[in-house]
Amino acid sequence: MKKCMSLLLALTLCFVLFAGCTSNQENTPNTQTEQPKVEDDGIMKILLIGHSTGMDSAYMLPAVAKNEGVEKLVVGMLYHSGCRLGQHVEYLTNDAPQYAYYEFDIENQDAWLRADKDGNFTYCEPFAANDIYIEDGSIAQTMKFGIQRHDWDIVVLQPGCFEAANKSDYGFTPNIASDIQTIRNYVSENDIEKSTAPKFAWNMIWGCPDDSSMWNEGYRNNMETLFSGDTVAMYNEIVNTTREIVKPEEIFDWFMPSATTLRNAQEQGMTPKQLYRDTIHGSDFTRMMVAYLWYCTLFEKNIDDCTLDPIPGKLVFDTLMYNTETPFMLTEEQKAILKISVKNAMATPYDTCK
């Protein structure tokens, strides 16, 4: 699928205006179906290039989409721990095998699969020693491998994390705009279907929880050095860098304000320990919430119309739930908070709701 919904609406209007023209009738997508409109194989294909908070963001997306009636979707993830944009540029320039590649085809799978160095796919635990296995080469893949796995419709980029100043893209990397453009150019140049280049989306990732007891040593030092331990200042830096340097509304086709979604949930009463499982990674609630942010943004849906049905147990991370048959279910209060948080983030991506 290579068209955003706004383009679809324009094509639909052309269909109405030129109904007497046979060729236009034949080329206009069917607007009656609830599935994303496509012009090729009928499958929405989304690739993320990022790190662990990107995995948190996208991990429940296949299950969420399937619960909401999507029948065909492929999600791929190129993972490298904490990777900032400049590192991606270095790796793509050298064609370096520095990524773990994950994939989920909801029509044919019920869990994520990970590729080894030879391109063979097997089931694995989420985050299962990725860094070690990339280093020893057993699962190491290049960025090009992920890009050329499919004719991707949407490629999602995101900044580096806050683990250390030299790994962060929020306010501390002067080349962030040029790095983004380099990665986009590389993706387009290596796309397997040149006539239909992929669209791009930006994931505004979150920072540390408001509970300093949850920070590990690296994040604690970074937070105290850069933000005097103030998570509001950190969030403001996320917003300012995104709005003033990245400018996603101008250069990206879609924008997922994940950081604002988490802040919104906190404003609605969720505690840091309910939103995070450690220094930076999201809880199952957060992963489901951000997956709905992605779903509503990329599929142009209204969160109020979503079911928020349970997620299969093998697709959650929390220790007591992981890899069991017990589904992850939201309470009615959690559903309300999720909907408010997603809706407000989409409406005002740089301002939290009170």
Protein backbone atom coordinates (compact mmCIF):
# COMPACT_ATOMS: atom_id res chain seq x y z
CA MET A 1 0.00 0.00 0.00
CA LYS A 2 1.58 3.23 -1.13
CA LYS A 3 -1.12 5.85 -0.51
CA CYS A 4 -2.07 7.79 2.56
CA MET A 5 -5.77 8.30 3.18
CA SER A 6 -5.75 11.94 2.10
CA LEU A 7 -4.58 10.91 -1.35
CA LEU A 8 -7.27 8.26 -1.36
CA LEU A 9 -9.94 10.89 -0.75
CA ALA A 10 -8.63 12.91 -3.66
CA LEU A 11 -8.77 9.87 -5.93
CA THR A 12 -12.28 9.11 -4.75
CA LEU A 13 -13.34 12.66 -5.68
CA CYS A 14 -11.80 12.21 -9.13
CA PHE A 15 -13.85 9.04 -9.51
CA VAL A 16 -17.05 10.94 -8.85
CA LEU A 17 -16.18 13.81 -11.18
CA PHE A 18 -15.12 11.58 -14.05
CA ALA A 19 -17.49 8.66 -13.62
CA GLY A 20 -17.99 8.46 -17.36
CA CYS A 21 -14.31 7.75 -17.99
CA THR A 22 -13.69 3.99 -18.07
CA SER A 23 -9.98 4.17 -17.28
CA ASN A 24 -10.58 6.26 -14.14
CA GLN A 25 -13.24 3.86 -12.99
CA GLU A 26 -10.87 0.95 -13.35
CA ASN A 27 -8.01 2.60 -11.46
CA THR A 28 -9.96 4.05 -8.53
CA PRO A 29 -9.67 2.05 -5.26
CA ASN A 30 -12.78 0.46 -3.80
CA THR A 31 -13.89 2.91 -1.11
CA GLN A 32 -16.50 0.62 0.41
CA THR A 33 -14.12 -1.68 2.30
CA GLU A 34 -12.97 -0.87 5.82
CA GLN A 35 -9.46 -2.17 5.09
CA PRO A 36 -6.63 0.25 4.21
CA LYS A 37 -6.86 1.05 0.50
CA VAL A 38 -4.10 -0.42 -1.62
CA GLU A 39 -2.82 -0.27 -5.17
CA ASP A 40 -0.63 -3.38 -5.22
CA ASP A 41 -1.00 -6.63 -3.24
CA GLY A 42 -3.59 -5.56 -0.68
CA ILE A 43 -1.22 -5.81 2.28
CA MET A 44 -0.20 -2.87 4.45
CA LYS A 45 3.53 -3.19 5.19
CA ILE A 46 5.21 -1.13 7.91
CA LEU A 47 8.94 -1.11 8.75
CA LEU A 48 10.45 0.44 11.89
CA ILE A 49 14.12 1.42 12.04
CA GLY A 50 14.93 2.02 15.70
CA HIS A 51 15.75 0.58 19.10
CA SER A 52 13.99 -0.88 22.14
CA THR A 53 11.44 1.88 22.69
CA GLY A 54 10.53 1.43 19.05
CA MET A 55 10.03 -2.27 19.75
CA ASP A 56 7.82 -1.26 22.68
CA SER A 57 5.89 1.03 20.34
CA ALA A 58 5.30 -1.49 17.56
CA TYR A 59 5.25 -4.85 19.35
CA MET A 60 1.50 -4.98 19.94
CA LEU A 61 0.58 -3.25 16.67
CA PRO A 62 -0.11 -6.52 14.77
CA ALA A 63 -2.40 -7.81 17.55
CA VAL A 64 -4.15 -4.45 17.89
CA ALA A 65 -4.72 -4.19 14.15
CA LYS A 66 -6.03 -7.74 13.97
CA ASN A 67 -8.39 -7.11 16.88
CA GLU A 68 -9.74 -4.07 15.05
CA GLY A 69 -10.51 -6.01 11.88
CA VAL A 70 -7.36 -5.69 9.77
CA GLU A 71 -6.83 -8.95 7.88
CA LYS A 72 -3.54 -8.27 6.10
CA LEU A 73 -0.58 -6.50 7.68
CA VAL A 74 3.17 -7.08 7.81
CA VAL A 75 5.28 -5.25 10.40
CA GLY A 76 9.07 -5.40 10.32
CA MET A 77 11.57 -4.04 12.84
CA LEU A 78 15.28 -3.29 12.40
CA TYR A 79 16.59 -3.12 15.97
CA HIS A 80 19.88 -1.84 17.37
CA SER A 81 20.09 -0.98 21.06
CA GLY A 82 19.79 2.75 21.81
CA CYS A 83 20.74 3.59 18.23
CA ARG A 84 20.87 7.29 17.40
CA LEU A 85 20.34 8.54 13.88
CA GLY A 86 24.03 9.18 13.29
CA GLN A 87 24.79 5.54 14.10
CA HIS A 88 22.23 4.41 11.53
CA VAL A 89 23.99 6.59 8.96
CA GLU A 90 27.33 5.02 9.87
CA TYR A 91 25.91 1.50 9.61
CA LEU A 92 24.17 2.05 6.29
CA THR A 93 27.25 3.74 4.85
CA ASN A 94 29.37 0.71 5.70
CA ASP A 95 26.61 -1.83 5.02
CA ALA A 96 27.37 -3.06 8.53
CA PRO A 97 25.50 -6.07 10.00
CA GLN A 98 24.40 -4.30 13.17
CA TYR A 99 20.69 -5.08 13.42
CA ALA A 100 18.32 -7.71 14.68
CA TYR A 101 15.44 -8.03 12.24
CA TYR A 102 11.95 -8.99 13.44
CA GLU A 103 8.81 -9.61 11.40
CA PHE A 104 5.12 -10.28 11.98
CA ASP A 105 2.67 -11.21 9.21
CA ILE A 106 -0.76 -11.30 10.84
CA GLU A 107 -2.23 -13.43 8.08
CA ASN A 108 0.30 -16.23 8.59
CA GLN A 109 1.75 -15.82 12.11
CA ASP A 110 0.62 -15.52 15.71
CA ALA A 111 3.92 -14.23 17.09
CA TRP A 112 7.03 -12.29 16.11
CA LEU A 113 9.85 -14.11 14.32
CA ARG A 114 13.52 -13.07 14.24
CA ALA A 115 15.98 -13.64 11.42
CA ASP A 116 19.40 -15.16 11.92
CA LYS A 117 22.47 -14.10 9.93
CA ASP A 118 21.44 -16.37 7.04
CA GLY A 119 17.92 -14.99 6.85
CA ASN A 120 16.23 -17.97 8.51
CA PHE A 121 13.34 -17.03 10.80
CA THR A 122 12.53 -18.55 14.18
CA TYR A 123 10.43 -17.58 17.18
CA CYS A 124 12.34 -15.94 20.05
CA GLU A 125 11.64 -14.14 23.28
CA PRO A 126 11.29 -10.37 23.01
CA PHE A 127 14.64 -8.63 23.51
CA ALA A 128 16.26 -12.07 23.93
CA ALA A 129 19.96 -11.15 24.19
CA ASN A 130 19.76 -9.15 20.96
CA ASP A 131 22.89 -7.15 21.71
CA ILE A 132 24.94 -10.28 22.43
CA TYR A 133 23.74 -12.09 19.33
CA ILE A 134 24.33 -9.10 17.09
CA GLU A 135 27.85 -8.82 18.49
CA ASP A 136 28.66 -12.50 17.92
CA GLY A 137 27.14 -12.30 14.44
CA SER A 138 24.55 -15.04 14.84
CA ILE A 139 21.58 -12.77 14.11
CA ALA A 140 23.40 -9.75 12.68
CA GLN A 141 21.75 -8.25 9.62
CA THR A 142 22.29 -5.08 7.60
CA MET A 143 19.78 -2.29 7.24
CA LYS A 144 19.51 -3.19 3.56
CA PHE A 145 18.31 -6.69 4.49
CA GLY A 146 15.31 -5.23 6.31
CA ILE A 147 14.57 -2.63 3.64
CA GLN A 148 14.57 -5.24 0.89
CA ARG A 149 12.49 -7.84 2.73
CA HIS A 150 9.31 -6.29 1.35
CA ASP A 151 7.97 -3.48 -0.77
CA TRP A 152 7.32 -1.36 2.32
CA ASP A 153 4.44 1.13 2.36
CA ILE A 154 5.49 3.02 5.49
CA VAL A 155 8.93 3.32 7.09
CA VAL A 156 9.03 4.65 10.66
CA LEU A 157 12.08 6.50 11.98
CA GLN A 158 12.81 7.61 15.54
CA PRO A 159 15.61 9.34 17.49
CA GLY A 160 18.21 7.80 19.77
CA CYS A 161 17.44 7.31 23.45
CA PHE A 162 18.57 9.03 26.67
CA GLU A 163 20.93 6.35 27.94
CA ALA A 164 23.85 8.72 27.46
CA ALA A 165 24.29 12.12 25.87
CA ASN A 166 26.25 10.66 22.97
CA LYS A 167 23.36 8.30 22.23
CA SER A 168 20.61 10.91 22.33
CA ASP A 169 19.22 12.86 19.39
CA TYR A 170 17.06 15.10 21.57
CA GLY A 171 18.82 18.46 21.56
CA PHE A 172 22.37 17.09 21.57
CA THR A 173 23.00 16.01 17.98
CA PRO A 174 23.42 18.92 15.56
CA ASN A 175 23.12 16.72 12.46
CA ILE A 176 19.70 15.26 13.24
CA ALA A 177 17.96 16.82 10.20
CA SER A 178 20.66 15.75 7.75
CA ASP A 179 20.84 12.27 9.32
CA ILE A 180 17.10 11.85 8.81
CA GLN A 181 17.41 12.84 5.17
CA THR A 182 20.34 10.46 4.62
CA ILE A 183 18.37 7.54 6.04
CA ARG A 184 15.30 8.42 4.00
CA ASN A 185 17.35 8.64 0.83
CA TYR A 186 18.95 5.27 1.57
CA VAL A 187 15.58 3.64 2.17
CA SER A 188 14.18 5.03 -1.08
CA GLU A 189 17.28 4.09 -3.09
CA ASN A 190 17.15 0.50 -1.83
CA ASP A 191 13.38 0.06 -2.02
CA ILE A 192 12.64 -3.02 -4.11
CA GLU A 193 9.85 -1.28 -6.03
CA LYS A 194 11.21 2.04 -7.26
CA SER A 195 7.97 3.12 -8.93
CA THR A 196 6.16 3.28 -5.59
CA ALA A 197 8.52 4.70 -2.98
CA PRO A 198 7.57 4.23 0.68
CA LYS A 199 6.02 6.95 2.81
CA PHE A 200 7.67 7.93 6.10
CA ALA A 201 6.48 8.34 9.68
CA TRP A 202 8.19 9.77 12.79
CA ASN A 203 7.92 8.20 16.24
CA MET A 204 8.49 10.77 19.01
CA ILE A 205 9.78 8.41 21.71
CA TRP A 206 9.47 9.00 25.43
CA GLY A 207 12.07 9.58 28.12
CA CYS A 208 12.51 8.37 31.71
CA PRO A 209 9.72 7.87 34.27
CA ASP A 210 8.99 10.51 36.89
CA ASP A 211 10.19 8.10 39.59
CA SER A 212 13.98 8.44 39.97
CA SER A 213 14.13 5.18 41.93
CA MET A 214 13.45 3.43 38.60
CA TRP A 215 16.48 4.94 36.81
CA ASN A 216 19.60 2.86 36.25
CA GLU A 217 23.02 4.42 36.78
CA GLY A 218 23.54 5.49 33.18
CA TYR A 219 20.20 7.23 32.90
CA ARG A 220 20.53 8.74 36.38
CA ASN A 221 23.85 10.34 35.47
CA ASN A 222 22.46 11.58 32.18
CA MET A 223 19.31 12.98 33.75
CA GLU A 224 21.21 14.76 36.52
CA THR A 225 23.79 16.15 34.08
CA LEU A 226 21.46 17.25 31.31
CA PHE A 227 18.19 18.05 33.07
CA SER A 228 19.06 18.37 36.78
CA GLY A 229 16.86 15.32 37.35
CA ASP A 230 13.79 17.15 35.99
CA THR A 231 11.65 14.89 33.79
CA VAL A 232 9.45 17.82 32.75
CA ALA A 233 12.55 19.55 31.36
CA MET A 234 13.38 16.31 29.58
CA TYR A 235 9.90 16.13 28.03
CA ASN A 236 10.15 19.78 26.98
CA GLU A 237 13.46 18.98 25.25
CA ILE A 238 11.76 16.12 23.42
CA VAL A 239 9.01 18.46 22.28
CA ASN A 240 11.32 21.32 21.31
CA THR A 241 13.72 19.13 19.33
CA THR A 242 10.84 17.44 17.53
CA ARG A 243 8.93 20.61 16.73
CA GLU A 244 11.88 22.87 15.86
CA ILE A 245 14.47 20.51 14.32
CA VAL A 246 12.72 17.35 13.14
CA LYS A 247 9.54 19.21 12.04
CA PRO A 248 7.62 15.97 11.40
CA GLU A 249 4.47 17.72 10.16
CA GLU A 250 6.52 19.22 7.34
CA ILE A 251 8.75 16.36 6.21
CA PHE A 252 6.94 13.18 7.34
CA ASP A 253 3.67 11.73 6.11
CA TRP A 254 2.64 10.63 9.61
CA PHE A 255 3.65 11.61 13.14
CA MET A 256 3.18 9.46 16.25
CA PRO A 257 3.69 11.56 19.43
CA SER A 258 4.36 8.59 21.72
CA ALA A 259 6.04 10.73 24.40
CA THR A 260 2.99 12.97 24.74
CA THR A 261 0.73 9.93 24.92
CA LEU A 262 2.63 8.67 27.97
CA ARG A 263 2.60 12.09 29.60
CA ASN A 264 -1.16 12.26 29.00
CA ALA A 265 -1.67 8.89 30.70
CA GLN A 266 0.29 10.15 33.69
CA GLU A 267 -1.83 13.30 33.81
CA GLN A 268 -4.86 10.98 33.94
CA GLY A 269 -3.55 9.22 37.05
CA MET A 270 -1.31 6.42 35.82
CA THR A 271 1.81 6.05 37.98
CA PRO A 272 5.35 5.67 36.58
CA LYS A 273 5.41 2.03 37.67
CA GLN A 274 2.16 1.45 35.78
CA LEU A 275 3.61 3.01 32.63
CA TYR A 276 7.20 1.69 32.76
CA ARG A 277 8.76 -1.65 33.56
CA ASP A 278 12.22 -0.16 34.14
CA THR A 279 14.31 2.94 33.42
CA ILE A 280 12.98 3.51 29.91
CA HIS A 281 10.89 0.60 28.61
CA GLY A 282 7.10 0.63 28.63
CA SER A 283 4.74 -1.61 30.55
CA ASP A 284 2.20 -3.79 28.76
CA PHE A 285 -0.34 -1.00 29.21
CA THR A 286 2.03 1.49 27.58
CA ARG A 287 2.83 -0.89 24.73
CA MET A 288 -0.86 -1.40 24.05
CA MET A 289 -1.58 2.33 24.31
CA VAL A 290 1.19 3.33 21.92
CA ALA A 291 0.21 0.54 19.52
CA TYR A 292 -3.22 2.14 19.37
CA LEU A 293 -1.62 5.52 18.74
CA TRP A 294 0.21 3.98 15.78
CA TYR A 295 -2.89 2.13 14.58
CA CYS A 296 -5.15 5.19 14.69
CA THR A 297 -2.50 7.37 13.04
CA LEU A 298 -1.35 5.06 10.25
CA PHE A 299 -4.79 3.61 9.51
CA GLU A 300 -6.55 6.95 10.11
CA LYS A 301 -9.00 5.58 12.67
CA ASN A 302 -10.82 7.16 15.62
CA ILE A 303 -9.76 5.73 18.97
CA ASP A 304 -13.35 6.05 20.24
CA ASP A 305 -14.40 3.46 17.66
CA CYS A 306 -11.79 0.90 18.74
CA THR A 307 -12.65 -2.23 20.73
CA LEU A 308 -9.49 -2.42 22.91
CA ASP A 309 -9.92 -6.19 23.03
CA PRO A 310 -7.48 -8.40 24.99
CA ILE A 311 -4.01 -9.07 23.59
CA PRO A 312 -2.77 -12.71 23.36
CA GLY A 313 -0.46 -13.68 26.21
CA LYS A 314 2.52 -14.49 23.99
CA LEU A 315 2.56 -10.87 22.78
CA VAL A 316 3.01 -9.24 26.18
CA PHE A 317 6.27 -8.68 28.06
CA ASP A 318 5.49 -8.54 31.77
CA THR A 319 7.05 -11.45 33.63
CA LEU A 320 3.89 -13.11 34.94
CA MET A 321 2.12 -12.85 31.59
CA TYR A 322 4.82 -13.50 29.04
CA ASN A 323 4.51 -16.56 26.79
CA THR A 324 1.40 -17.87 28.50
CA GLU A 325 -2.14 -18.39 27.30
CA THR A 326 -3.38 -15.66 29.63
CA PRO A 327 -4.42 -12.62 27.56
CA PHE A 328 -3.62 -9.07 28.59
CA MET A 329 -6.87 -7.26 29.38
CA LEU A 330 -7.58 -3.65 30.28
CA THR A 331 -9.94 -2.55 33.01
CA GLU A 332 -12.66 -0.07 32.08
CA GLU A 333 -10.65 2.66 33.82
CA GLN A 334 -7.56 1.78 31.80
CA LYS A 335 -9.57 1.81 28.58
CA ALA A 336 -10.83 5.30 29.36
CA ILE A 337 -7.32 6.55 30.13
CA LEU A 338 -5.94 4.97 26.96
CA LYS A 339 -8.58 6.60 24.79
CA ILE A 340 -8.15 10.04 26.35
CA SER A 341 -4.36 9.83 26.14
CA VAL A 342 -4.29 8.76 22.48
CA LYS A 343 -7.00 11.16 21.35
CA ASN A 344 -5.36 14.18 22.96
CA ALA A 345 -1.88 13.28 21.75
CA MET A 346 -3.16 13.07 18.19
CA ALA A 347 -5.00 16.37 18.54
CA THR A 348 -2.23 18.28 20.35
CA PRO A 349 1.04 16.33 19.97
CA TYR A 350 3.16 18.92 21.82
CA ASP A 351 0.82 19.59 24.75
CA THR A 352 -0.32 17.23 27.49
CA CYS A 353 -3.94 17.02 28.58
CA LYS A 354 -4.91 17.87 32.14
